[in-house]
Amino acid sequence: MMRRVLAVCLMCIALPAGAQEVLRPQEQSRLARYDEIAGNALLQAFQTGASGDLSALTRALSGTPQVAFDQGLSGDWNCRTMKLGGQTGLVVYSPFKCRLTFQDGGYLFEKLSGSQRTKGFLSMRDGRAVYVGVGFVAGETPPAYTDLAPDFAGDGTIQPDIAVFERVSNQRARMMFPAPVVESDFDILELTR
């Protein structure tokens, strides 16, 4: 256990300047309101969700988060999107393909299939693993997060993404997106393999 903690600390110290993007105020605000947004969206989901979707949501949120990063995270994953709150209440999609690649003291994350994709970087920020990336419609070439205009909020095909990452094991993890730009109030991307 101590080795894991030391490895995570060393990864955070070793981050090159470009690996941890400076967050725009919009994404800082979304992270600051994380607990409030999650609570409201979960209430809506449990009030309106179908029993099968609620079972999937419960499974995705089960398990105690462990040390966020471990070398065993690299590789291909199945990932399933769950949209909570807003227009939908709760919608659980079929699994897609995702990939985590160890890089620059954190992980490059890519959602590789489905009509809505995302690509960005996971790193430690203020004691938690945070994903900063760009969501995009399949077929688009997304810019890097750092290339987004300061006031860009999304245009229906490209949007800024921010999420909290929790690893339950090297076979289960979750990314939780507060106030995503598209369709819902809170998204969960469940990762399994």
N, C-alpha and C. Protein backbone atom coordinates (compact mmCIF):
# COMPACT_ATOMS: atom_id res chain seq x y z
N MET A 1 0.83 -1.19 0.00
CA MET A 1 0.00 0.00 0.00
C MET A 1 0.87 1.25 0.00
N MET A 2 1.90 1.25 0.81
CA MET A 2 2.78 2.42 0.89
C MET A 2 3.46 2.68 -0.45
N ARG A 3 3.80 1.60 -1.18
CA ARG A 3 4.40 1.75 -2.51
C ARG A 3 3.47 2.49 -3.46
N ARG A 4 2.18 2.15 -3.41
CA ARG A 4 1.20 2.80 -4.29
C ARG A 4 1.11 4.29 -3.99
N VAL A 5 1.03 4.63 -2.69
CA VAL A 5 0.93 6.03 -2.30
C VAL A 5 2.17 6.79 -2.77
N LEU A 6 3.34 6.20 -2.58
CA LEU A 6 4.58 6.83 -3.03
C LEU A 6 4.61 6.99 -4.54
N ALA A 7 4.16 5.97 -5.28
CA ALA A 7 4.13 6.06 -6.74
C ALA A 7 3.22 7.18 -7.21
N VAL A 8 2.06 7.33 -6.57
CA VAL A 8 1.13 8.41 -6.94
C VAL A 8 1.76 9.76 -6.65
N CYS A 9 2.40 9.90 -5.50
CA CYS A 9 3.05 11.17 -5.16
C CYS A 9 4.14 11.51 -6.17
N LEU A 10 4.93 10.52 -6.56
CA LEU A 10 5.98 10.76 -7.53
C LEU A 10 5.41 11.14 -8.89
N MET A 11 4.29 10.52 -9.28
CA MET A 11 3.66 10.87 -10.56
C MET A 11 3.22 12.32 -10.55
N CYS A 12 2.68 12.78 -9.42
CA CYS A 12 2.19 14.16 -9.35
C CYS A 12 3.34 15.15 -9.42
N ILE A 13 4.45 14.84 -8.76
CA ILE A 13 5.61 15.72 -8.79
C ILE A 13 6.22 15.77 -10.18
N ALA A 14 6.16 14.65 -10.90
CA ALA A 14 6.82 14.55 -12.19
C ALA A 14 6.02 15.13 -13.35
N LEU A 15 4.85 15.68 -13.09
CA LEU A 15 4.04 16.20 -14.18
C LEU A 15 4.73 17.36 -14.88
N PRO A 16 4.92 17.27 -16.19
CA PRO A 16 5.45 18.40 -16.91
C PRO A 16 4.42 19.53 -16.95
N ALA A 17 4.87 20.74 -17.19
CA ALA A 17 4.00 21.91 -17.15
C ALA A 17 2.79 21.76 -18.06
N GLY A 18 2.95 21.19 -19.24
CA GLY A 18 1.84 21.08 -20.19
C GLY A 18 0.85 19.98 -19.88
N ALA A 19 1.22 19.02 -19.02
CA ALA A 19 0.35 17.88 -18.78
C ALA A 19 -0.87 18.25 -17.95
N GLN A 20 -0.74 19.24 -17.09
CA GLN A 20 -1.86 19.62 -16.25
C GLN A 20 -2.33 21.01 -16.68
N GLU A 21 -3.36 21.02 -17.52
CA GLU A 21 -3.88 22.25 -18.05
C GLU A 21 -4.43 23.14 -16.95
N VAL A 22 -4.32 24.44 -17.14
CA VAL A 22 -4.96 25.38 -16.24
C VAL A 22 -6.45 25.36 -16.55
N LEU A 23 -7.26 25.16 -15.54
CA LEU A 23 -8.70 25.08 -15.75
C LEU A 23 -9.28 26.47 -16.02
N ARG A 24 -10.20 26.51 -16.97
CA ARG A 24 -10.93 27.74 -17.24
C ARG A 24 -11.93 27.95 -16.09
N PRO A 25 -12.36 29.17 -15.83
CA PRO A 25 -13.31 29.42 -14.72
C PRO A 25 -14.59 28.58 -14.82
N GLN A 26 -15.07 28.32 -16.04
CA GLN A 26 -16.30 27.55 -16.19
C GLN A 26 -16.14 26.14 -15.62
N GLU A 27 -15.02 25.50 -15.91
CA GLU A 27 -14.81 24.14 -15.41
C GLU A 27 -14.48 24.15 -13.92
N GLN A 28 -13.79 25.18 -13.43
CA GLN A 28 -13.55 25.31 -11.99
C GLN A 28 -14.88 25.40 -11.25
N SER A 29 -15.83 26.16 -11.80
CA SER A 29 -17.14 26.31 -11.18
C SER A 29 -17.90 24.99 -11.17
N ARG A 30 -17.82 24.23 -12.25
CA ARG A 30 -18.50 22.95 -12.30
C ARG A 30 -17.95 22.00 -11.22
N LEU A 31 -16.63 21.99 -11.06
CA LEU A 31 -16.02 21.14 -10.02
C LEU A 31 -16.39 21.63 -8.62
N ALA A 32 -16.43 22.94 -8.42
CA ALA A 32 -16.76 23.50 -7.11
C ALA A 32 -18.19 23.13 -6.69
N ARG A 33 -19.08 22.95 -7.65
CA ARG A 33 -20.49 22.62 -7.37
C ARG A 33 -20.76 21.12 -7.50
N TYR A 34 -19.72 20.32 -7.57
CA TYR A 34 -19.83 18.88 -7.83
C TYR A 34 -20.86 18.20 -6.90
N ASP A 35 -20.71 18.36 -5.59
CA ASP A 35 -21.59 17.66 -4.64
C ASP A 35 -23.05 18.08 -4.82
N GLU A 36 -23.30 19.35 -4.97
CA GLU A 36 -24.67 19.84 -5.15
C GLU A 36 -25.28 19.30 -6.44
N ILE A 37 -24.54 19.37 -7.52
CA ILE A 37 -25.04 18.89 -8.82
C ILE A 37 -25.31 17.39 -8.76
N ALA A 38 -24.36 16.63 -8.19
CA ALA A 38 -24.53 15.17 -8.09
C ALA A 38 -25.75 14.82 -7.26
N GLY A 39 -25.93 15.48 -6.13
CA GLY A 39 -27.07 15.19 -5.26
C GLY A 39 -28.40 15.42 -5.95
N ASN A 40 -28.55 16.57 -6.60
CA ASN A 40 -29.80 16.88 -7.30
C ASN A 40 -30.06 15.90 -8.43
N ALA A 41 -29.03 15.57 -9.19
CA ALA A 41 -29.20 14.65 -10.33
C ALA A 41 -29.54 13.24 -9.84
N LEU A 42 -28.91 12.80 -8.76
CA LEU A 42 -29.22 11.47 -8.22
C LEU A 42 -30.66 11.40 -7.72
N LEU A 43 -31.14 12.46 -7.09
CA LEU A 43 -32.54 12.48 -6.65
C LEU A 43 -33.48 12.32 -7.84
N GLN A 44 -33.23 13.07 -8.91
CA GLN A 44 -34.06 12.95 -10.12
C GLN A 44 -33.99 11.54 -10.70
N ALA A 45 -32.77 11.00 -10.76
CA ALA A 45 -32.59 9.67 -11.34
C ALA A 45 -33.38 8.62 -10.55
N PHE A 46 -33.28 8.67 -9.21
CA PHE A 46 -33.98 7.66 -8.41
C PHE A 46 -35.49 7.87 -8.39
N GLN A 47 -35.94 9.10 -8.63
CA GLN A 47 -37.38 9.36 -8.68
C GLN A 47 -38.00 8.92 -10.00
N THR A 48 -37.22 8.93 -11.08
CA THR A 48 -37.81 8.70 -12.41
C THR A 48 -37.26 7.48 -13.15
N GLY A 49 -36.17 6.91 -12.68
CA GLY A 49 -35.50 5.85 -13.43
C GLY A 49 -36.23 4.53 -13.45
N ALA A 50 -36.11 3.81 -14.56
CA ALA A 50 -36.64 2.45 -14.67
C ALA A 50 -35.80 1.51 -13.80
N SER A 51 -36.37 0.41 -13.37
CA SER A 51 -35.68 -0.47 -12.41
C SER A 51 -34.36 -1.00 -12.96
N GLY A 52 -34.30 -1.38 -14.23
CA GLY A 52 -33.04 -1.87 -14.81
C GLY A 52 -31.97 -0.80 -14.83
N ASP A 53 -32.35 0.43 -15.17
CA ASP A 53 -31.40 1.54 -15.18
C ASP A 53 -30.93 1.87 -13.77
N LEU A 54 -31.84 1.80 -12.80
CA LEU A 54 -31.45 2.06 -11.41
C LEU A 54 -30.48 1.00 -10.89
N SER A 55 -30.67 -0.24 -11.30
CA SER A 55 -29.73 -1.31 -10.92
C SER A 55 -28.35 -1.03 -11.50
N ALA A 56 -28.30 -0.61 -12.76
CA ALA A 56 -27.02 -0.29 -13.40
C ALA A 56 -26.35 0.89 -12.70
N LEU A 57 -27.12 1.91 -12.35
CA LEU A 57 -26.58 3.08 -11.65
C LEU A 57 -26.03 2.69 -10.29
N THR A 58 -26.77 1.88 -9.56
CA THR A 58 -26.32 1.43 -8.24
C THR A 58 -25.01 0.66 -8.35
N ARG A 59 -24.92 -0.22 -9.34
CA ARG A 59 -23.70 -1.00 -9.55
C ARG A 59 -22.52 -0.08 -9.90
N ALA A 60 -22.77 0.91 -10.76
CA ALA A 60 -21.70 1.83 -11.17
C ALA A 60 -21.16 2.63 -9.99
N LEU A 61 -22.02 2.97 -9.05
CA LEU A 61 -21.60 3.79 -7.91
C LEU A 61 -21.13 2.96 -6.71
N SER A 62 -21.23 1.64 -6.80
CA SER A 62 -20.81 0.80 -5.68
C SER A 62 -19.29 0.66 -5.65
N GLY A 63 -18.79 0.37 -4.48
CA GLY A 63 -17.35 0.15 -4.32
C GLY A 63 -16.65 1.39 -3.82
N THR A 64 -15.74 1.18 -2.90
CA THR A 64 -14.98 2.26 -2.30
C THR A 64 -13.83 2.68 -3.21
N PRO A 65 -13.72 3.98 -3.50
CA PRO A 65 -12.58 4.43 -4.33
C PRO A 65 -11.25 4.12 -3.65
N GLN A 66 -10.28 3.71 -4.45
CA GLN A 66 -8.95 3.40 -3.97
C GLN A 66 -7.97 4.45 -4.48
N VAL A 67 -6.68 4.24 -4.24
CA VAL A 67 -5.68 5.14 -4.80
C VAL A 67 -6.01 5.30 -6.28
N ALA A 68 -6.11 6.53 -6.73
CA ALA A 68 -6.65 6.79 -8.06
C ALA A 68 -5.87 6.11 -9.18
N PHE A 69 -4.56 6.22 -9.15
CA PHE A 69 -3.77 5.74 -10.28
C PHE A 69 -2.95 4.53 -9.90
N ASP A 70 -2.89 3.61 -10.83
CA ASP A 70 -2.13 2.38 -10.68
C ASP A 70 -1.70 2.00 -12.09
N GLN A 71 -0.52 1.44 -12.23
CA GLN A 71 -0.04 1.10 -13.57
C GLN A 71 -0.96 0.13 -14.29
N GLY A 72 -1.75 -0.62 -13.55
CA GLY A 72 -2.65 -1.59 -14.15
C GLY A 72 -3.85 -0.97 -14.87
N LEU A 73 -4.01 0.34 -14.82
CA LEU A 73 -5.15 0.99 -15.49
C LEU A 73 -4.99 1.06 -17.00
N SER A 74 -3.76 1.04 -17.48
CA SER A 74 -3.54 1.18 -18.92
C SER A 74 -4.23 0.07 -19.69
N GLY A 75 -4.75 0.43 -20.86
CA GLY A 75 -5.33 -0.56 -21.74
C GLY A 75 -6.75 -0.21 -22.15
N ASP A 76 -7.39 -1.18 -22.79
CA ASP A 76 -8.75 -1.00 -23.31
C ASP A 76 -9.77 -1.32 -22.22
N TRP A 77 -10.87 -0.57 -22.24
CA TRP A 77 -11.95 -0.70 -21.28
C TRP A 77 -13.28 -0.70 -22.02
N ASN A 78 -14.30 -1.29 -21.40
CA ASN A 78 -15.68 -1.06 -21.80
C ASN A 78 -16.15 0.14 -20.98
N CYS A 79 -16.89 1.03 -21.60
CA CYS A 79 -17.37 2.19 -20.85
C CYS A 79 -18.83 2.44 -21.21
N ARG A 80 -19.63 2.69 -20.19
CA ARG A 80 -21.06 2.88 -20.38
C ARG A 80 -21.46 4.24 -19.79
N THR A 81 -22.13 5.03 -20.60
CA THR A 81 -22.59 6.36 -20.18
C THR A 81 -23.94 6.26 -19.50
N MET A 82 -24.06 7.00 -18.40
CA MET A 82 -25.33 7.14 -17.69
C MET A 82 -25.59 8.63 -17.55
N LYS A 83 -26.73 9.09 -18.04
CA LYS A 83 -27.09 10.50 -17.98
C LYS A 83 -28.17 10.67 -16.93
N LEU A 84 -27.90 11.55 -15.95
CA LEU A 84 -28.79 11.77 -14.82
C LEU A 84 -29.31 13.20 -14.82
N GLY A 85 -30.58 13.36 -14.45
CA GLY A 85 -31.15 14.69 -14.27
C GLY A 85 -31.41 15.40 -15.59
N GLY A 86 -31.94 16.61 -15.47
CA GLY A 86 -32.21 17.39 -16.66
C GLY A 86 -33.38 16.84 -17.45
N GLN A 87 -33.25 16.81 -18.76
CA GLN A 87 -34.33 16.39 -19.66
C GLN A 87 -34.72 14.93 -19.48
N THR A 88 -33.78 14.10 -19.04
CA THR A 88 -33.99 12.66 -19.13
C THR A 88 -34.33 11.95 -17.83
N GLY A 89 -33.99 12.47 -16.68
CA GLY A 89 -34.15 11.75 -15.42
C GLY A 89 -33.03 10.74 -15.25
N LEU A 90 -33.07 9.66 -16.03
CA LEU A 90 -32.00 8.66 -16.03
C LEU A 90 -32.05 7.87 -17.34
N VAL A 91 -30.95 7.86 -18.05
CA VAL A 91 -30.80 7.05 -19.25
C VAL A 91 -29.47 6.32 -19.15
N VAL A 92 -29.48 5.01 -19.36
CA VAL A 92 -28.27 4.19 -19.33
C VAL A 92 -28.05 3.63 -20.73
N TYR A 93 -26.89 3.90 -21.29
CA TYR A 93 -26.57 3.47 -22.65
C TYR A 93 -25.86 2.12 -22.65
N SER A 94 -25.78 1.51 -23.82
CA SER A 94 -25.02 0.27 -24.01
C SER A 94 -23.53 0.60 -23.91
N PRO A 95 -22.71 -0.40 -23.62
CA PRO A 95 -21.26 -0.16 -23.51
C PRO A 95 -20.61 0.25 -24.83
N PHE A 96 -19.57 1.06 -24.70
CA PHE A 96 -18.72 1.50 -25.80
C PHE A 96 -17.29 1.10 -25.47
N LYS A 97 -16.36 1.50 -26.31
CA LYS A 97 -14.94 1.20 -26.10
C LYS A 97 -14.20 2.47 -25.67
N CYS A 98 -13.34 2.31 -24.68
CA CYS A 98 -12.52 3.41 -24.18
C CYS A 98 -11.10 2.90 -23.97
N ARG A 99 -10.17 3.83 -23.80
CA ARG A 99 -8.77 3.44 -23.59
C ARG A 99 -8.11 4.42 -22.63
N LEU A 100 -7.31 3.86 -21.72
CA LEU A 100 -6.45 4.64 -20.83
C LEU A 100 -5.01 4.33 -21.18
N THR A 101 -4.20 5.38 -21.34
CA THR A 101 -2.79 5.22 -21.69
C THR A 101 -1.95 6.05 -20.72
N PHE A 102 -1.05 5.38 -19.98
CA PHE A 102 -0.18 6.10 -19.06
C PHE A 102 0.70 7.06 -19.85
N GLN A 103 0.75 8.32 -19.40
CA GLN A 103 1.48 9.34 -20.16
C GLN A 103 1.74 10.54 -19.27
N ASP A 104 2.95 11.01 -19.23
CA ASP A 104 3.29 12.26 -18.53
C ASP A 104 2.80 12.32 -17.09
N GLY A 105 2.89 11.22 -16.35
CA GLY A 105 2.53 11.23 -14.94
C GLY A 105 1.05 11.14 -14.67
N GLY A 106 0.25 10.87 -15.67
CA GLY A 106 -1.20 10.71 -15.52
C GLY A 106 -1.67 9.76 -16.60
N TYR A 107 -2.90 9.92 -17.04
CA TYR A 107 -3.44 9.04 -18.07
C TYR A 107 -4.16 9.83 -19.15
N LEU A 108 -3.84 9.52 -20.40
CA LEU A 108 -4.61 9.98 -21.53
C LEU A 108 -5.86 9.10 -21.57
N PHE A 109 -7.03 9.71 -21.67
CA PHE A 109 -8.28 8.96 -21.75
C PHE A 109 -8.95 9.26 -23.07
N GLU A 110 -9.46 8.19 -23.73
CA GLU A 110 -10.17 8.35 -24.99
C GLU A 110 -11.39 7.46 -25.01
N LYS A 111 -12.56 8.03 -25.31
CA LYS A 111 -13.75 7.24 -25.61
C LYS A 111 -13.73 7.05 -27.11
N LEU A 112 -13.59 5.79 -27.55
CA LEU A 112 -13.28 5.46 -28.94
C LEU A 112 -14.48 5.14 -29.81
N SER A 113 -15.63 4.86 -29.22
CA SER A 113 -16.80 4.50 -30.03
C SER A 113 -18.03 5.21 -29.50
N GLY A 114 -19.10 5.15 -30.27
CA GLY A 114 -20.32 5.85 -29.93
C GLY A 114 -20.39 7.18 -30.64
N SER A 115 -21.55 7.80 -30.64
CA SER A 115 -21.71 9.08 -31.35
C SER A 115 -21.14 10.25 -30.56
N GLN A 116 -21.13 10.16 -29.21
CA GLN A 116 -20.54 11.21 -28.38
C GLN A 116 -19.24 10.66 -27.79
N ARG A 117 -18.15 11.35 -28.06
CA ARG A 117 -16.83 10.90 -27.61
C ARG A 117 -16.17 11.96 -26.76
N THR A 118 -15.06 11.60 -26.16
CA THR A 118 -14.27 12.56 -25.37
C THR A 118 -12.82 12.12 -25.39
N LYS A 119 -11.94 13.10 -25.27
CA LYS A 119 -10.51 12.83 -25.24
C LYS A 119 -9.86 13.88 -24.35
N GLY A 120 -9.00 13.42 -23.42
CA GLY A 120 -8.35 14.36 -22.52
C GLY A 120 -7.39 13.66 -21.59
N PHE A 121 -7.09 14.32 -20.47
CA PHE A 121 -6.04 13.85 -19.58
C PHE A 121 -6.54 13.78 -18.14
N LEU A 122 -6.18 12.69 -17.46
CA LEU A 122 -6.46 12.49 -16.04
C LEU A 122 -5.21 12.81 -15.24
N SER A 123 -5.32 13.67 -14.24
CA SER A 123 -4.19 13.96 -13.36
C SER A 123 -4.71 14.31 -11.97
N MET A 124 -3.82 14.37 -11.00
CA MET A 124 -4.20 14.72 -9.65
C MET A 124 -4.31 16.24 -9.52
N ARG A 125 -5.41 16.69 -8.93
CA ARG A 125 -5.67 18.10 -8.66
C ARG A 125 -6.31 18.22 -7.29
N ASP A 126 -5.68 18.94 -6.42
CA ASP A 126 -6.25 19.19 -5.08
C ASP A 126 -6.70 17.91 -4.39
N GLY A 127 -5.89 16.87 -4.49
CA GLY A 127 -6.15 15.63 -3.77
C GLY A 127 -7.11 14.66 -4.42
N ARG A 128 -7.57 14.95 -5.64
CA ARG A 128 -8.44 14.00 -6.32
C ARG A 128 -8.04 13.91 -7.79
N ALA A 129 -8.39 12.78 -8.39
CA ALA A 129 -8.08 12.58 -9.81
C ALA A 129 -9.16 13.28 -10.63
N VAL A 130 -8.72 14.14 -11.55
CA VAL A 130 -9.65 14.94 -12.34
C VAL A 130 -9.33 14.77 -13.82
N TYR A 131 -10.38 14.61 -14.59
CA TYR A 131 -10.28 14.51 -16.04
C TYR A 131 -10.59 15.87 -16.66
N VAL A 132 -9.73 16.32 -17.54
CA VAL A 132 -9.93 17.56 -18.29
C VAL A 132 -9.80 17.19 -19.76
N GLY A 133 -10.85 17.44 -20.53
CA GLY A 133 -10.81 17.05 -21.93
C GLY A 133 -11.81 17.79 -22.77
N VAL A 134 -12.01 17.27 -23.96
CA VAL A 134 -12.95 17.85 -24.92
C VAL A 134 -13.87 16.75 -25.41
N GLY A 135 -15.17 16.99 -25.27
CA GLY A 135 -16.17 16.09 -25.83
C GLY A 135 -16.45 16.50 -27.26
N PHE A 136 -16.78 15.51 -28.08
CA PHE A 136 -17.02 15.82 -29.48
C PHE A 136 -17.89 14.74 -30.12
N VAL A 137 -18.55 15.12 -31.20
CA VAL A 137 -19.36 14.20 -31.97
C VAL A 137 -18.44 13.39 -32.88
N ALA A 138 -18.69 12.09 -32.98
CA ALA A 138 -17.88 11.21 -33.84
C ALA A 138 -17.74 11.84 -35.22
N GLY A 139 -16.53 11.80 -35.75
CA GLY A 139 -16.25 12.38 -37.06
C GLY A 139 -15.61 13.76 -36.97
N GLU A 140 -15.76 14.44 -35.83
CA GLU A 140 -15.12 15.74 -35.62
C GLU A 140 -13.68 15.53 -35.15
N THR A 141 -12.84 16.51 -35.41
CA THR A 141 -11.48 16.51 -34.87
C THR A 141 -11.45 17.52 -33.74
N PRO A 142 -11.40 17.05 -32.49
CA PRO A 142 -11.48 17.99 -31.37
C PRO A 142 -10.18 18.75 -31.16
N PRO A 143 -10.26 20.01 -30.76
CA PRO A 143 -9.05 20.73 -30.36
C PRO A 143 -8.62 20.23 -28.98
N ALA A 144 -7.41 20.56 -28.59
CA ALA A 144 -6.97 20.30 -27.22
C ALA A 144 -7.73 21.24 -26.28
N TYR A 145 -7.92 20.84 -25.05
CA TYR A 145 -8.60 21.69 -24.07
C TYR A 145 -7.95 23.07 -24.01
N THR A 146 -6.62 23.11 -24.02
CA THR A 146 -5.90 24.38 -23.91
C THR A 146 -6.14 25.29 -25.12
N ASP A 147 -6.62 24.74 -26.22
CA ASP A 147 -6.89 25.55 -27.41
C ASP A 147 -8.32 26.10 -27.46
N LEU A 148 -9.16 25.76 -26.49
CA LEU A 148 -10.52 26.28 -26.48
C LEU A 148 -10.50 27.77 -26.15
N ALA A 149 -11.34 28.54 -26.82
CA ALA A 149 -11.44 29.97 -26.53
C ALA A 149 -11.90 30.16 -25.08
N PRO A 150 -11.45 31.21 -24.41
CA PRO A 150 -11.80 31.41 -22.99
C PRO A 150 -13.30 31.39 -22.71
N ASP A 151 -14.12 31.85 -23.65
CA ASP A 151 -15.55 31.92 -23.41
C ASP A 151 -16.33 30.80 -24.10
N PHE A 152 -15.63 29.81 -24.67
CA PHE A 152 -16.30 28.74 -25.40
C PHE A 152 -17.01 27.80 -24.44
N ALA A 153 -18.34 27.64 -24.64
CA ALA A 153 -19.13 26.78 -23.76
C ALA A 153 -19.61 25.52 -24.46
N GLY A 154 -19.36 25.40 -25.76
CA GLY A 154 -19.83 24.26 -26.53
C GLY A 154 -20.73 24.73 -27.65
N ASP A 155 -20.73 23.96 -28.74
CA ASP A 155 -21.53 24.37 -29.90
C ASP A 155 -22.41 23.24 -30.45
N GLY A 156 -22.59 22.19 -29.65
CA GLY A 156 -23.39 21.06 -30.11
C GLY A 156 -22.56 19.94 -30.73
N THR A 157 -21.36 20.24 -31.18
CA THR A 157 -20.48 19.20 -31.72
C THR A 157 -19.19 19.06 -30.92
N ILE A 158 -18.80 20.12 -30.23
CA ILE A 158 -17.59 20.12 -29.40
C ILE A 158 -17.90 20.85 -28.10
N GLN A 159 -17.44 20.31 -26.97
CA GLN A 159 -17.66 20.97 -25.69
C GLN A 159 -16.53 20.62 -24.72
N PRO A 160 -16.27 21.49 -23.75
CA PRO A 160 -15.28 21.19 -22.72
C PRO A 160 -15.84 20.15 -21.74
N ASP A 161 -15.01 19.20 -21.34
CA ASP A 161 -15.40 18.17 -20.38
C ASP A 161 -14.54 18.26 -19.13
N ILE A 162 -15.18 18.05 -17.99
CA ILE A 162 -14.48 17.97 -16.71
C ILE A 162 -15.14 16.85 -15.91
N ALA A 163 -14.35 16.02 -15.24
CA ALA A 163 -14.92 14.90 -14.47
C ALA A 163 -14.01 14.53 -13.32
N VAL A 164 -14.60 13.94 -12.31
CA VAL A 164 -13.85 13.35 -11.20
C VAL A 164 -13.72 11.86 -11.51
N PHE A 165 -12.51 11.33 -11.38
CA PHE A 165 -12.23 9.92 -11.67
C PHE A 165 -12.04 9.16 -10.37
N GLU A 166 -12.70 8.00 -10.26
CA GLU A 166 -12.52 7.12 -9.10
C GLU A 166 -12.23 5.71 -9.59
N ARG A 167 -11.14 5.14 -9.12
CA ARG A 167 -10.79 3.76 -9.43
C ARG A 167 -11.28 2.89 -8.27
N VAL A 168 -12.09 1.88 -8.57
CA VAL A 168 -12.54 0.93 -7.57
C VAL A 168 -11.59 -0.26 -7.53
N SER A 169 -11.09 -0.65 -8.70
CA SER A 169 -10.09 -1.72 -8.83
C SER A 169 -9.48 -1.55 -10.22
N ASN A 170 -8.59 -2.45 -10.60
CA ASN A 170 -8.04 -2.38 -11.96
C ASN A 170 -9.01 -2.94 -13.00
N GLN A 171 -10.19 -3.35 -12.55
CA GLN A 171 -11.24 -3.81 -13.47
C GLN A 171 -12.48 -2.92 -13.43
N ARG A 172 -12.54 -1.97 -12.50
CA ARG A 172 -13.71 -1.09 -12.37
C ARG A 172 -13.27 0.32 -11.99
N ALA A 173 -13.87 1.29 -12.66
CA ALA A 173 -13.63 2.70 -12.33
C ALA A 173 -14.84 3.50 -12.80
N ARG A 174 -14.86 4.77 -12.47
CA ARG A 174 -15.95 5.64 -12.91
C ARG A 174 -15.44 7.06 -13.08
N MET A 175 -15.99 7.72 -14.07
CA MET A 175 -15.73 9.14 -14.28
C MET A 175 -17.07 9.85 -14.12
N MET A 176 -17.10 10.91 -13.32
CA MET A 176 -18.35 11.59 -13.01
C MET A 176 -18.25 13.05 -13.43
N PHE A 177 -19.12 13.44 -14.36
CA PHE A 177 -19.08 14.74 -15.03
C PHE A 177 -20.17 15.66 -14.46
N PRO A 178 -19.81 16.66 -13.65
CA PRO A 178 -20.81 17.60 -13.15
C PRO A 178 -21.20 18.61 -14.22
N ALA A 179 -22.49 18.84 -14.36
CA ALA A 179 -23.03 19.85 -15.30
C ALA A 179 -22.44 19.73 -16.70
N PRO A 180 -22.56 18.54 -17.33
CA PRO A 180 -22.06 18.43 -18.70
C PRO A 180 -22.83 19.37 -19.62
N VAL A 181 -22.22 19.75 -20.70
CA VAL A 181 -22.82 20.73 -21.61
C VAL A 181 -24.03 20.15 -22.35
N VAL A 182 -24.03 18.84 -22.60
CA VAL A 182 -25.06 18.22 -23.44
C VAL A 182 -26.05 17.39 -22.62
N GLU A 183 -27.34 17.70 -22.70
CA GLU A 183 -28.48 16.85 -22.37
C GLU A 183 -28.81 16.59 -20.91
N SER A 184 -27.90 16.57 -19.98
CA SER A 184 -28.21 16.13 -18.63
C SER A 184 -27.55 17.05 -17.61
N ASP A 185 -27.81 16.75 -16.32
CA ASP A 185 -27.21 17.53 -15.23
C ASP A 185 -25.93 16.90 -14.70
N PHE A 186 -25.79 15.58 -14.88
CA PHE A 186 -24.65 14.86 -14.31
C PHE A 186 -24.50 13.58 -15.12
N ASP A 187 -23.30 13.29 -15.57
CA ASP A 187 -23.04 12.05 -16.32
C ASP A 187 -22.07 11.17 -15.54
N ILE A 188 -22.29 9.88 -15.64
CA ILE A 188 -21.34 8.90 -15.11
C ILE A 188 -20.89 8.04 -16.28
N LEU A 189 -19.59 7.88 -16.41
CA LEU A 189 -19.03 6.96 -17.38
C LEU A 189 -18.44 5.81 -16.58
N GLU A 190 -19.13 4.67 -16.61
CA GLU A 190 -18.69 3.48 -15.86
C GLU A 190 -17.69 2.72 -16.72
N LEU A 191 -16.52 2.43 -16.17
CA LEU A 191 -15.48 1.69 -16.88
C LEU A 191 -15.33 0.30 -16.27
N THR A 192 -15.38 -0.72 -17.12
CA THR A 192 -15.22 -2.10 -16.67
C THR A 192 -14.37 -2.87 -17.66
N ARG A 193 -13.78 -3.96 -17.20
CA ARG A 193 -13.09 -4.90 -18.10
C ARG A 193 -12.93 -6.24 -17.42
